[in-house]
Amino acid sequence: MSAKLSSKELKSIFEKYAAKEGDPNQLSKEELRLLIQNEFPSLLKDQNTLEDLFKELDQNGDGEVSFEEFQGLLKKISQ
């Protein structure tokens, strides 16, 4: 997957995975795992673990990742 995703493309990817279970506007840890494995597998190949990435993205600590929090992934991808 290209690191040059538009906001619309990123939102579409987010919604595709967020709709799998629970709140369709939030990613659970499992939904985030599926999204990263399928769309951004290189994110988990270095020192990052899913747990670390989830904690980093879940800024409000509610146990889910909103689209606004998910946009922090763009910063990781573009580094």
Protein backbone atom coordinates (compact mmCIF):
# COMPACT_ATOMS: atom_id res chain seq x y z
CA MET A 1 0.00 0.00 0.00
CA SER A 2 1.31 3.40 -0.93
CA ALA A 3 2.17 5.92 1.75
CA LYS A 4 0.60 8.60 -0.44
CA LEU A 5 -3.02 8.04 0.57
CA SER A 6 -5.59 10.78 0.36
CA SER A 7 -7.75 11.54 3.38
CA LYS A 8 -10.71 10.03 1.52
CA GLU A 9 -8.81 6.80 0.80
CA LEU A 10 -7.68 6.54 4.40
CA LYS A 11 -11.24 7.09 5.65
CA SER A 12 -12.48 4.37 3.30
CA ILE A 13 -9.87 1.90 4.61
CA PHE A 14 -10.74 2.82 8.20
CA GLU A 15 -14.48 2.33 7.64
CA LYS A 16 -13.95 -1.02 5.91
CA TYR A 17 -12.31 -2.46 9.03
CA ALA A 18 -14.22 -0.51 11.71
CA ALA A 19 -17.50 -1.93 10.43
CA LYS A 20 -16.45 -5.52 11.18
CA GLU A 21 -17.56 -5.51 14.85
CA GLY A 22 -18.95 -3.15 17.48
CA ASP A 23 -18.94 0.60 16.85
CA PRO A 24 -18.58 1.32 13.11
CA ASN A 25 -16.79 4.59 13.94
CA GLN A 26 -14.09 2.98 16.09
CA LEU A 27 -11.43 0.32 15.54
CA SER A 28 -11.07 -2.37 18.17
CA LYS A 29 -7.61 -3.82 18.72
CA GLU A 30 -8.55 -6.83 16.55
CA GLU A 31 -9.86 -4.58 13.75
CA LEU A 32 -6.67 -2.53 13.91
CA ARG A 33 -4.61 -5.73 13.71
CA LEU A 34 -6.49 -6.85 10.58
CA LEU A 35 -6.19 -3.42 8.98
CA ILE A 36 -2.45 -3.23 9.57
CA GLN A 37 -1.78 -6.82 8.50
CA ASN A 38 -3.67 -6.32 5.26
CA GLU A 39 -2.98 -2.69 4.39
CA PHE A 40 0.28 -1.67 6.14
CA PRO A 41 2.18 -4.88 7.02
CA SER A 42 5.55 -3.14 7.18
CA LEU A 43 4.44 -1.21 10.29
CA LEU A 44 4.80 -4.29 12.44
CA LYS A 45 8.08 -5.52 10.92
CA ASP A 46 10.35 -3.19 12.86
CA GLN A 47 10.36 -2.59 16.61
CA ASN A 48 6.65 -1.79 16.81
CA THR A 49 4.26 -4.32 18.21
CA LEU A 50 0.51 -4.15 17.76
CA GLU A 51 0.16 -3.36 21.46
CA ASP A 52 2.61 -0.45 21.24
CA LEU A 53 0.94 0.92 18.12
CA PHE A 54 -2.54 0.58 19.64
CA LYS A 55 -1.48 2.42 22.80
CA GLU A 56 0.11 5.16 20.71
CA LEU A 57 -2.97 5.62 18.52
CA ASP A 58 -5.57 5.34 21.32
CA GLN A 59 -4.87 8.82 22.64
CA ASN A 60 -7.94 9.07 24.87
CA GLY A 61 -7.44 5.60 26.38
CA ASP A 62 -10.96 4.33 25.64
CA GLY A 63 -9.71 1.00 24.25
CA GLU A 64 -10.69 1.85 20.69
CA VAL A 65 -9.18 3.95 17.91
CA SER A 66 -11.30 6.68 16.32
CA PHE A 67 -10.67 7.96 12.81
CA GLU A 68 -9.04 11.07 14.25
CA GLU A 69 -6.68 8.92 16.30
CA PHE A 70 -6.12 6.63 13.31
CA GLN A 71 -4.86 9.59 11.28
CA GLY A 72 -1.79 9.45 13.52
CA LEU A 73 -0.92 6.35 11.52
CA LEU A 74 -0.26 8.61 8.54
CA LYS A 75 2.61 10.19 10.42
CA LYS A 76 4.12 6.75 11.07
CA ILE A 77 3.72 5.70 7.44
CA SER A 78 5.28 8.87 6.08
CA GLN A 79 8.40 8.65 8.29
